[in-house]
Amino acid sequence: MREGDTALILDGPFADFTGPVRSIDHERGRVRLVVLVFGDETVIDVGLSSVEKASES
């Protein structure tokens, strides 16, 4: 996964949300992405193991 890819969140309170990856911190094992929550863009920070690259449809 790289910056700009669309990520799917697999677990936690934002499970099944998708959004573009803004940054990846490999040292901390975290990824920052933007999701829409109630129509507003929200930046969230989740573990790399909690996301996967979303399939292109």
PDB file of N, CA and C in Angstrom:
ATOM      1  N   MET A   1       0.840  -1.165   0.000  1.00  0.00           N
ATOM      2  CA  MET A   1       0.000   0.000   0.000  1.00  0.00           C
ATOM      3  C   MET A   1       0.894   1.239   0.000  1.00  0.00           C
ATOM      4  N   ARG A   2       0.426   2.265  -0.712  1.00  0.00           N
ATOM      5  CA  ARG A   2       1.183   3.504  -0.816  1.00  0.00           C
ATOM      6  C   ARG A   2       0.266   4.702  -0.579  1.00  0.00           C
ATOM      7  N   GLU A   3       0.870   5.860  -0.345  1.00  0.00           N
ATOM      8  CA  GLU A   3       0.089   7.088  -0.223  1.00  0.00           C
ATOM      9  C   GLU A   3      -0.729   7.277  -1.491  1.00  0.00           C
ATOM     10  N   GLY A   4      -1.971   7.672  -1.327  1.00  0.00           N
ATOM     11  CA  GLY A   4      -2.864   7.861  -2.469  1.00  0.00           C
ATOM     12  C   GLY A   4      -3.742   6.668  -2.762  1.00  0.00           C
ATOM     13  N   ASP A   5      -3.320   5.464  -2.325  1.00  0.00           N
ATOM     14  CA  ASP A   5      -4.157   4.273  -2.493  1.00  0.00           C
ATOM     15  C   ASP A   5      -5.415   4.411  -1.636  1.00  0.00           C
ATOM     16  N   THR A   6      -6.464   3.733  -2.039  1.00  0.00           N
ATOM     17  CA  THR A   6      -7.665   3.671  -1.222  1.00  0.00           C
ATOM     18  C   THR A   6      -7.563   2.458  -0.314  1.00  0.00           C
ATOM     19  N   ALA A   7      -7.762   2.682   0.986  1.00  0.00           N
ATOM     20  CA  ALA A   7      -7.646   1.615   1.980  1.00  0.00           C
ATOM     21  C   ALA A   7      -9.014   1.266   2.550  1.00  0.00           C
ATOM     22  N   LEU A   8      -9.191   0.006   2.878  1.00  0.00           N
ATOM     23  CA  LEU A   8     -10.388  -0.500   3.542  1.00  0.00           C
ATOM     24  C   LEU A   8     -10.003  -0.828   4.976  1.00  0.00           C
ATOM     25  N   ILE A   9     -10.747  -0.303   5.934  1.00  0.00           N
ATOM     26  CA  ILE A   9     -10.494  -0.596   7.346  1.00  0.00           C
ATOM     27  C   ILE A   9     -11.202  -1.901   7.695  1.00  0.00           C
ATOM     28  N   LEU A  10     -10.453  -2.825   8.280  1.00  0.00           N
ATOM     29  CA  LEU A  10     -10.951  -4.177   8.522  1.00  0.00           C
ATOM     30  C   LEU A  10     -11.621  -4.376   9.875  1.00  0.00           C
ATOM     31  N   ASP A  11     -11.201  -3.618  10.895  1.00  0.00           N
ATOM     32  CA  ASP A  11     -11.788  -3.822  12.220  1.00  0.00           C
ATOM     33  C   ASP A  11     -11.797  -2.515  13.007  1.00  0.00           C
ATOM     34  N   GLY A  12     -12.406  -2.569  14.185  1.00  0.00           N
ATOM     35  CA  GLY A  12     -12.494  -1.383  15.028  1.00  0.00           C
ATOM     36  C   GLY A  12     -13.746  -0.577  14.717  1.00  0.00           C
ATOM     37  N   PRO A  13     -13.847   0.601  15.320  1.00  0.00           N
ATOM     38  CA  PRO A  13     -15.063   1.409  15.160  1.00  0.00           C
ATOM     39  C   PRO A  13     -15.296   1.916  13.736  1.00  0.00           C
ATOM     40  N   PHE A  14     -14.254   1.934  12.915  1.00  0.00           N
ATOM     41  CA  PHE A  14     -14.395   2.394  11.534  1.00  0.00           C
ATOM     42  C   PHE A  14     -14.353   1.240  10.532  1.00  0.00           C
ATOM     43  N   ALA A  15     -14.613   0.018  10.987  1.00  0.00           N
ATOM     44  CA  ALA A  15     -14.603  -1.149  10.104  1.00  0.00           C
ATOM     45  C   ALA A  15     -15.519  -0.909   8.909  1.00  0.00           C
ATOM     46  N   ASP A  16     -15.055  -1.312   7.732  1.00  0.00           N
ATOM     47  CA  ASP A  16     -15.772  -1.205   6.458  1.00  0.00           C
ATOM     48  C   ASP A  16     -15.770   0.193   5.856  1.00  0.00           C
ATOM     49  N   PHE A  17     -15.139   1.162   6.515  1.00  0.00           N
ATOM     50  CA  PHE A  17     -14.962   2.474   5.914  1.00  0.00           C
ATOM     51  C   PHE A  17     -13.792   2.390   4.938  1.00  0.00           C
ATOM     52  N   THR A  18     -13.834   3.209   3.896  1.00  0.00           N
ATOM     53  CA  THR A  18     -12.716   3.297   2.962  1.00  0.00           C
ATOM     54  C   THR A  18     -12.311   4.755   2.822  1.00  0.00           C
ATOM     55  N   GLY A  19     -11.053   4.953   2.445  1.00  0.00           N
ATOM     56  CA  GLY A  19     -10.589   6.311   2.217  1.00  0.00           C
ATOM     57  C   GLY A  19      -9.173   6.318   1.700  1.00  0.00           C
ATOM     58  N   PRO A  20      -8.755   7.462   1.171  1.00  0.00           N
ATOM     59  CA  PRO A  20      -7.403   7.577   0.631  1.00  0.00           C
ATOM     60  C   PRO A  20      -6.355   7.640   1.735  1.00  0.00           C
ATOM     61  N   VAL A  21      -5.235   6.966   1.500  1.00  0.00           N
ATOM     62  CA  VAL A  21      -4.115   6.975   2.443  1.00  0.00           C
ATOM     63  C   VAL A  21      -3.384   8.296   2.304  1.00  0.00           C
ATOM     64  N   ARG A  22      -3.193   8.976   3.425  1.00  0.00           N
ATOM     65  CA  ARG A  22      -2.464  10.241   3.441  1.00  0.00           C
ATOM     66  C   ARG A  22      -0.993  10.029   3.780  1.00  0.00           C
ATOM     67  N   SER A  23      -0.721   9.118   4.720  1.00  0.00           N
ATOM     68  CA  SER A  23       0.675   8.845   5.076  1.00  0.00           C
ATOM     69  C   SER A  23       0.762   7.480   5.751  1.00  0.00           C
ATOM     70  N   ILE A  24       1.973   6.908   5.691  1.00  0.00           N
ATOM     71  CA  ILE A  24       2.246   5.621   6.323  1.00  0.00           C
ATOM     72  C   ILE A  24       3.486   5.777   7.181  1.00  0.00           C
ATOM     73  N   ASP A  25       3.379   5.354   8.441  1.00  0.00           N
ATOM     74  CA  ASP A  25       4.514   5.391   9.366  1.00  0.00           C
ATOM     75  C   ASP A  25       4.905   3.943   9.643  1.00  0.00           C
ATOM     76  N   HIS A  26       5.906   3.453   8.907  1.00  0.00           N
ATOM     77  CA  HIS A  26       6.308   2.052   9.045  1.00  0.00           C
ATOM     78  C   HIS A  26       6.974   1.785  10.393  1.00  0.00           C
ATOM     79  N   GLU A  27       7.650   2.767  10.965  1.00  0.00           N
ATOM     80  CA  GLU A  27       8.288   2.573  12.276  1.00  0.00           C
ATOM     81  C   GLU A  27       7.260   2.305  13.359  1.00  0.00           C
ATOM     82  N   ARG A  28       6.174   3.050  13.349  1.00  0.00           N
ATOM     83  CA  ARG A  28       5.115   2.877  14.348  1.00  0.00           C
ATOM     84  C   ARG A  28       4.068   1.852  13.917  1.00  0.00           C
ATOM     85  N   GLY A  29       4.088   1.468  12.632  1.00  0.00           N
ATOM     86  CA  GLY A  29       3.092   0.519  12.139  1.00  0.00           C
ATOM     87  C   GLY A  29       1.706   1.131  12.046  1.00  0.00           C
ATOM     88  N   ARG A  30       1.659   2.410  11.634  1.00  0.00           N
ATOM     89  CA  ARG A  30       0.386   3.134  11.568  1.00  0.00           C
ATOM     90  C   ARG A  30       0.176   3.700  10.174  1.00  0.00           C
ATOM     91  N   VAL A  31      -1.073   3.901   9.836  1.00  0.00           N
ATOM     92  CA  VAL A  31      -1.432   4.533   8.571  1.00  0.00           C
ATOM     93  C   VAL A  31      -2.477   5.611   8.862  1.00  0.00           C
ATOM     94  N   ARG A  32      -2.332   6.748   8.216  1.00  0.00           N
ATOM     95  CA  ARG A  32      -3.278   7.855   8.375  1.00  0.00           C
ATOM     96  C   ARG A  32      -4.081   7.948   7.094  1.00  0.00           C
ATOM     97  N   LEU A  33      -5.421   7.968   7.235  1.00  0.00           N
ATOM     98  CA  LEU A  33      -6.272   8.070   6.069  1.00  0.00           C
ATOM     99  C   LEU A  33      -7.472   8.946   6.365  1.00  0.00           C
ATOM    100  N   VAL A  34      -8.188   9.294   5.319  1.00  0.00           N
ATOM    101  CA  VAL A  34      -9.349  10.179   5.429  1.00  0.00           C
ATOM    102  C   VAL A  34     -10.594   9.369   5.111  1.00  0.00           C
ATOM    103  N   VAL A  35     -11.572   9.433   6.020  1.00  0.00           N
ATOM    104  CA  VAL A  35     -12.858   8.763   5.788  1.00  0.00           C
ATOM    105  C   VAL A  35     -13.975   9.786   5.924  1.00  0.00           C
ATOM    106  N   LEU A  36     -15.111   9.488   5.322  1.00  0.00           N
ATOM    107  CA  LEU A  36     -16.280  10.358   5.464  1.00  0.00           C
ATOM    108  C   LEU A  36     -17.120   9.869   6.636  1.00  0.00           C
ATOM    109  N   VAL A  37     -17.315  10.731   7.622  1.00  0.00           N
ATOM    110  CA  VAL A  37     -18.153  10.432   8.778  1.00  0.00           C
ATOM    111  C   VAL A  37     -19.259  11.485   8.814  1.00  0.00           C
ATOM    112  N   PHE A  38     -20.486  11.057   8.628  1.00  0.00           N
ATOM    113  CA  PHE A  38     -21.636  11.962   8.573  1.00  0.00           C
ATOM    114  C   PHE A  38     -21.416  13.071   7.547  1.00  0.00           C
ATOM    115  N   GLY A  39     -20.789  12.729   6.425  1.00  0.00           N
ATOM    116  CA  GLY A  39     -20.585  13.672   5.345  1.00  0.00           C
ATOM    117  C   GLY A  39     -19.380  14.578   5.481  1.00  0.00           C
ATOM    118  N   ASP A  40     -18.645  14.464   6.587  1.00  0.00           N
ATOM    119  CA  ASP A  40     -17.452  15.280   6.802  1.00  0.00           C
ATOM    120  C   ASP A  40     -16.205  14.427   6.692  1.00  0.00           C
ATOM    121  N   GLU A  41     -15.162  14.982   6.064  1.00  0.00           N
ATOM    122  CA  GLU A  41     -13.885  14.279   5.990  1.00  0.00           C
ATOM    123  C   GLU A  41     -13.238  14.266   7.367  1.00  0.00           C
ATOM    124  N   THR A  42     -12.835  13.084   7.813  1.00  0.00           N
ATOM    125  CA  THR A  42     -12.206  12.907   9.112  1.00  0.00           C
ATOM    126  C   THR A  42     -10.901  12.144   8.929  1.00  0.00           C
ATOM    127  N   VAL A  43      -9.820  12.702   9.455  1.00  0.00           N
ATOM    128  CA  VAL A  43      -8.521  12.035   9.387  1.00  0.00           C
ATOM    129  C   VAL A  43      -8.422  11.085  10.574  1.00  0.00           C
ATOM    130  N   ILE A  44      -8.115   9.817  10.293  1.00  0.00           N
ATOM    131  CA  ILE A  44      -7.935   8.839  11.364  1.00  0.00           C
ATOM    132  C   ILE A  44      -6.585   8.153  11.210  1.00  0.00           C
ATOM    133  N   ASP A  45      -6.115   7.628  12.303  1.00  0.00           N
ATOM    134  CA  ASP A  45      -4.815   6.962  12.379  1.00  0.00           C
ATOM    135  C   ASP A  45      -5.076   5.558  12.915  1.00  0.00           C
ATOM    136  N   VAL A  46      -4.799   4.538  12.104  1.00  0.00           N
ATOM    137  CA  VAL A  46      -5.053   3.153  12.501  1.00  0.00           C
ATOM    138  C   VAL A  46      -3.814   2.299  12.250  1.00  0.00           C
ATOM    139  N   GLY A  47      -3.781   1.131  12.854  1.00  0.00           N
ATOM    140  CA  GLY A  47      -2.667   0.210  12.664  1.00  0.00           C
ATOM    141  C   GLY A  47      -2.647  -0.364  11.257  1.00  0.00           C
ATOM    142  N   LEU A  48      -1.439  -0.608  10.763  1.00  0.00           N
ATOM    143  CA  LEU A  48      -1.292  -1.194   9.429  1.00  0.00           C
ATOM    144  C   LEU A  48      -2.009  -2.530   9.309  1.00  0.00           C
ATOM    145  N   SER A  49      -2.058  -3.295  10.393  1.00  0.00           N
ATOM    146  CA  SER A  49      -2.709  -4.603  10.343  1.00  0.00           C
ATOM    147  C   SER A  49      -4.233  -4.487  10.264  1.00  0.00           C
ATOM    148  N   SER A  50      -4.767  -3.280  10.470  1.00  0.00           N
ATOM    149  CA  SER A  50      -6.219  -3.064  10.434  1.00  0.00           C
ATOM    150  C   SER A  50      -6.723  -2.581   9.091  1.00  0.00           C
ATOM    151  N   VAL A  51      -5.824  -2.448   8.106  1.00  0.00           N
ATOM    152  CA  VAL A  51      -6.241  -1.957   6.792  1.00  0.00           C
ATOM    153  C   VAL A  51      -5.685  -2.839   5.684  1.00  0.00           C
ATOM    154  N   GLU A  52      -6.364  -2.789   4.557  1.00  0.00           N
ATOM    155  CA  GLU A  52      -5.855  -3.439   3.347  1.00  0.00           C
ATOM    156  C   GLU A  52      -6.214  -2.536   2.184  1.00  0.00           C
ATOM    157  N   LYS A  53      -5.489  -2.694   1.094  1.00  0.00           N
ATOM    158  CA  LYS A  53      -5.776  -1.915  -0.103  1.00  0.00           C
ATOM    159  C   LYS A  53      -7.146  -2.330  -0.620  1.00  0.00           C
ATOM    160  N   ALA A  54      -8.002  -1.352  -0.851  1.00  0.00           N
ATOM    161  CA  ALA A  54      -9.351  -1.627  -1.343  1.00  0.00           C
ATOM    162  C   ALA A  54      -9.287  -2.100  -2.782  1.00  0.00           C
ATOM    163  N   SER A  55     -10.136  -3.043  -3.117  1.00  0.00           N
ATOM    164  CA  SER A  55     -10.153  -3.563  -4.491  1.00  0.00           C
ATOM    165  C   SER A  55     -10.757  -2.505  -5.414  1.00  0.00           C
ATOM    166  N   GLU A  56     -10.246  -2.482  -6.617  1.00  0.00           N
ATOM    167  CA  GLU A  56     -10.765  -1.564  -7.637  1.00  0.00           C
ATOM    168  C   GLU A  56     -12.037  -2.160  -8.196  1.00  0.00           C
ATOM    169  N   SER A  57     -13.132  -1.370  -8.170  1.00  0.00           N
ATOM    170  CA  SER A  57     -14.375  -1.900  -8.730  1.00  0.00           C
ATOM    171  C   SER A  57     -14.865  -1.094  -9.881  1.00  0.00           C
TER     172      SER A  57
END
